[in-house]
Amino acid sequence: MPRFIINKNPQSNGDYEVHNATTSCSYMPNSENQIDLGYHSSCSEAVAYAKRQWPEHRINGCYYCAKECHTS
């Protein structure tokens, strides 16, 4: 089951990106900027989990490693 993280820092458009830490995404934030989201069966499950944790944030999947959850 893949492990996911979220970037502590928002992107220029205000989105906080969820990354699949199991893959070798070249756009992963530095380790000090990562919050572990744990293991999830899919990026959509990880994004939903993150949205429950931080409902005031805009959360999106990374275009490169969680493309099926990338919306903006």
N, C-alpha and C. Protein backbone atom coordinates (compact mmCIF):
# COMPACT_ATOMS: atom_id res chain seq x y z
N MET A 1 0.86 -1.18 0.00
CA MET A 1 0.00 0.00 0.00
C MET A 1 0.90 1.24 0.00
N PRO A 2 0.61 2.22 -0.83
CA PRO A 2 1.46 3.40 -0.92
C PRO A 2 1.35 4.32 0.31
N ARG A 3 2.44 5.00 0.60
CA ARG A 3 2.49 5.99 1.68
C ARG A 3 2.43 7.37 1.05
N PHE A 4 1.67 8.27 1.66
CA PHE A 4 1.49 9.61 1.13
C PHE A 4 1.95 10.65 2.13
N ILE A 5 2.38 11.79 1.58
CA ILE A 5 2.76 12.94 2.40
C ILE A 5 2.07 14.17 1.83
N ILE A 6 2.03 15.22 2.62
CA ILE A 6 1.55 16.51 2.12
C ILE A 6 2.64 17.54 2.36
N ASN A 7 2.77 18.44 1.43
CA ASN A 7 3.75 19.52 1.55
C ASN A 7 3.23 20.55 2.55
N LYS A 8 4.07 20.93 3.52
CA LYS A 8 3.70 21.95 4.50
C LYS A 8 3.51 23.32 3.85
N ASN A 9 4.16 23.53 2.72
CA ASN A 9 4.13 24.83 2.05
C ASN A 9 3.18 24.79 0.85
N PRO A 10 2.33 25.80 0.72
CA PRO A 10 1.42 25.81 -0.43
C PRO A 10 2.15 26.14 -1.73
N GLN A 11 1.58 25.71 -2.83
CA GLN A 11 2.08 26.06 -4.15
C GLN A 11 1.72 27.52 -4.43
N SER A 12 2.19 28.06 -5.52
CA SER A 12 1.93 29.47 -5.85
C SER A 12 0.43 29.76 -6.02
N ASN A 13 -0.36 28.73 -6.35
CA ASN A 13 -1.81 28.92 -6.50
C ASN A 13 -2.58 28.70 -5.20
N GLY A 14 -1.86 28.41 -4.10
CA GLY A 14 -2.49 28.22 -2.80
C GLY A 14 -2.79 26.78 -2.43
N ASP A 15 -2.61 25.84 -3.37
CA ASP A 15 -2.87 24.42 -3.09
C ASP A 15 -1.75 23.79 -2.27
N TYR A 16 -2.14 22.93 -1.35
CA TYR A 16 -1.19 22.08 -0.64
C TYR A 16 -1.20 20.73 -1.36
N GLU A 17 -0.05 20.29 -1.82
CA GLU A 17 0.00 19.09 -2.65
C GLU A 17 0.28 17.82 -1.86
N VAL A 18 -0.49 16.79 -2.20
CA VAL A 18 -0.29 15.44 -1.67
C VAL A 18 0.59 14.69 -2.66
N HIS A 19 1.62 14.02 -2.13
CA HIS A 19 2.56 13.26 -2.96
C HIS A 19 2.54 11.79 -2.53
N ASN A 20 2.76 10.93 -3.50
CA ASN A 20 2.93 9.51 -3.25
C ASN A 20 4.40 9.29 -2.89
N ALA A 21 4.68 9.06 -1.61
CA ALA A 21 6.06 8.91 -1.14
C ALA A 21 6.65 7.56 -1.52
N THR A 22 5.83 6.64 -1.99
CA THR A 22 6.32 5.32 -2.38
C THR A 22 7.00 5.37 -3.75
N THR A 23 6.57 6.31 -4.59
CA THR A 23 7.19 6.47 -5.90
C THR A 23 8.34 7.46 -5.78
N SER A 24 9.14 7.54 -6.78
CA SER A 24 10.25 8.49 -6.75
C SER A 24 9.88 9.73 -7.55
N CYS A 25 9.02 10.55 -6.96
CA CYS A 25 8.58 11.79 -7.60
C CYS A 25 9.69 12.83 -7.50
N SER A 26 10.03 13.44 -8.60
CA SER A 26 11.09 14.45 -8.59
C SER A 26 10.61 15.78 -8.03
N TYR A 27 9.33 15.89 -7.69
CA TYR A 27 8.77 17.12 -7.14
C TYR A 27 8.42 17.01 -5.65
N MET A 28 8.93 15.97 -5.00
CA MET A 28 8.71 15.80 -3.56
C MET A 28 9.34 16.97 -2.81
N PRO A 29 8.65 17.50 -1.81
CA PRO A 29 9.27 18.56 -1.00
C PRO A 29 10.40 17.98 -0.15
N ASN A 30 11.28 18.84 0.31
CA ASN A 30 12.33 18.41 1.23
C ASN A 30 11.70 17.78 2.46
N SER A 31 12.40 16.86 3.09
CA SER A 31 11.83 16.11 4.21
C SER A 31 11.33 17.02 5.34
N GLU A 32 11.99 18.16 5.57
CA GLU A 32 11.53 19.05 6.64
C GLU A 32 10.21 19.76 6.29
N ASN A 33 9.79 19.68 5.03
CA ASN A 33 8.54 20.28 4.59
C ASN A 33 7.44 19.26 4.35
N GLN A 34 7.64 18.04 4.80
CA GLN A 34 6.67 16.97 4.59
C GLN A 34 5.92 16.65 5.88
N ILE A 35 4.63 16.39 5.74
CA ILE A 35 3.81 15.85 6.82
C ILE A 35 3.33 14.48 6.35
N ASP A 36 3.60 13.48 7.13
CA ASP A 36 3.23 12.12 6.78
C ASP A 36 1.72 11.93 6.91
N LEU A 37 1.10 11.44 5.86
CA LEU A 37 -0.33 11.15 5.87
C LEU A 37 -0.61 9.67 6.11
N GLY A 38 0.44 8.86 6.10
CA GLY A 38 0.27 7.43 6.33
C GLY A 38 0.03 6.67 5.04
N TYR A 39 -0.40 5.44 5.20
CA TYR A 39 -0.64 4.53 4.08
C TYR A 39 -2.10 4.56 3.68
N HIS A 40 -2.33 4.69 2.39
CA HIS A 40 -3.69 4.73 1.85
C HIS A 40 -3.73 3.91 0.56
N SER A 41 -4.88 3.37 0.25
CA SER A 41 -4.99 2.52 -0.93
C SER A 41 -4.94 3.31 -2.23
N SER A 42 -5.21 4.63 -2.16
CA SER A 42 -5.20 5.45 -3.36
C SER A 42 -4.92 6.90 -2.98
N CYS A 43 -4.58 7.71 -3.99
CA CYS A 43 -4.36 9.13 -3.71
C CYS A 43 -5.66 9.81 -3.32
N SER A 44 -6.78 9.36 -3.87
CA SER A 44 -8.05 9.99 -3.51
C SER A 44 -8.37 9.77 -2.03
N GLU A 45 -8.02 8.61 -1.51
CA GLU A 45 -8.20 8.34 -0.09
C GLU A 45 -7.28 9.24 0.74
N ALA A 46 -6.03 9.41 0.28
CA ALA A 46 -5.07 10.26 0.99
C ALA A 46 -5.49 11.73 0.95
N VAL A 47 -5.99 12.20 -0.19
CA VAL A 47 -6.45 13.58 -0.31
C VAL A 47 -7.67 13.79 0.59
N ALA A 48 -8.59 12.86 0.61
CA ALA A 48 -9.78 12.97 1.47
C ALA A 48 -9.37 13.02 2.94
N TYR A 49 -8.39 12.19 3.32
CA TYR A 49 -7.88 12.20 4.69
C TYR A 49 -7.29 13.57 5.03
N ALA A 50 -6.46 14.11 4.12
CA ALA A 50 -5.84 15.41 4.35
C ALA A 50 -6.89 16.51 4.46
N LYS A 51 -7.92 16.44 3.65
CA LYS A 51 -8.99 17.45 3.70
C LYS A 51 -9.74 17.40 5.03
N ARG A 52 -9.87 16.23 5.61
CA ARG A 52 -10.49 16.12 6.93
C ARG A 52 -9.59 16.72 8.01
N GLN A 53 -8.27 16.57 7.84
CA GLN A 53 -7.32 17.09 8.82
C GLN A 53 -7.21 18.62 8.75
N TRP A 54 -7.24 19.16 7.55
CA TRP A 54 -7.06 20.60 7.31
C TRP A 54 -8.19 21.10 6.40
N PRO A 55 -9.41 21.20 6.92
CA PRO A 55 -10.55 21.59 6.07
C PRO A 55 -10.45 23.02 5.53
N GLU A 56 -9.63 23.85 6.15
CA GLU A 56 -9.51 25.23 5.69
C GLU A 56 -8.51 25.38 4.54
N HIS A 57 -7.78 24.32 4.20
CA HIS A 57 -6.78 24.36 3.14
C HIS A 57 -7.33 23.81 1.83
N ARG A 58 -6.83 24.33 0.73
CA ARG A 58 -7.09 23.74 -0.59
C ARG A 58 -6.05 22.65 -0.79
N ILE A 59 -6.49 21.42 -0.96
CA ILE A 59 -5.59 20.28 -1.06
C ILE A 59 -5.79 19.61 -2.40
N ASN A 60 -4.67 19.24 -3.02
CA ASN A 60 -4.67 18.74 -4.38
C ASN A 60 -3.60 17.65 -4.49
N GLY A 61 -3.78 16.75 -5.43
CA GLY A 61 -2.76 15.74 -5.70
C GLY A 61 -1.68 16.29 -6.62
N CYS A 62 -0.47 15.80 -6.46
CA CYS A 62 0.64 16.19 -7.33
C CYS A 62 0.37 15.73 -8.77
N TYR A 63 0.63 16.61 -9.71
CA TYR A 63 0.42 16.30 -11.12
C TYR A 63 1.28 15.11 -11.56
N TYR A 64 2.44 14.93 -10.96
CA TYR A 64 3.40 13.92 -11.41
C TYR A 64 3.27 12.57 -10.70
N CYS A 65 2.97 12.56 -9.41
CA CYS A 65 2.94 11.27 -8.71
C CYS A 65 1.55 10.91 -8.17
N ALA A 66 0.59 11.81 -8.28
CA ALA A 66 -0.79 11.54 -7.87
C ALA A 66 -1.72 12.19 -8.86
N LYS A 67 -1.41 11.98 -10.15
CA LYS A 67 -2.08 12.68 -11.25
C LYS A 67 -3.60 12.49 -11.25
N GLU A 68 -4.08 11.31 -10.87
CA GLU A 68 -5.53 11.07 -10.88
C GLU A 68 -6.25 11.91 -9.83
N CYS A 69 -5.49 12.53 -8.91
CA CYS A 69 -6.07 13.39 -7.88
C CYS A 69 -5.73 14.85 -8.09
N HIS A 70 -5.06 15.15 -9.17
CA HIS A 70 -4.68 16.54 -9.47
C HIS A 70 -5.87 17.24 -10.14
N THR A 71 -6.32 18.33 -9.52
CA THR A 71 -7.49 19.02 -10.06
C THR A 71 -7.22 20.46 -10.48
N SER A 72 -6.12 21.04 -10.01
CA SER A 72 -5.84 22.43 -10.41
C SER A 72 -4.35 22.70 -10.43
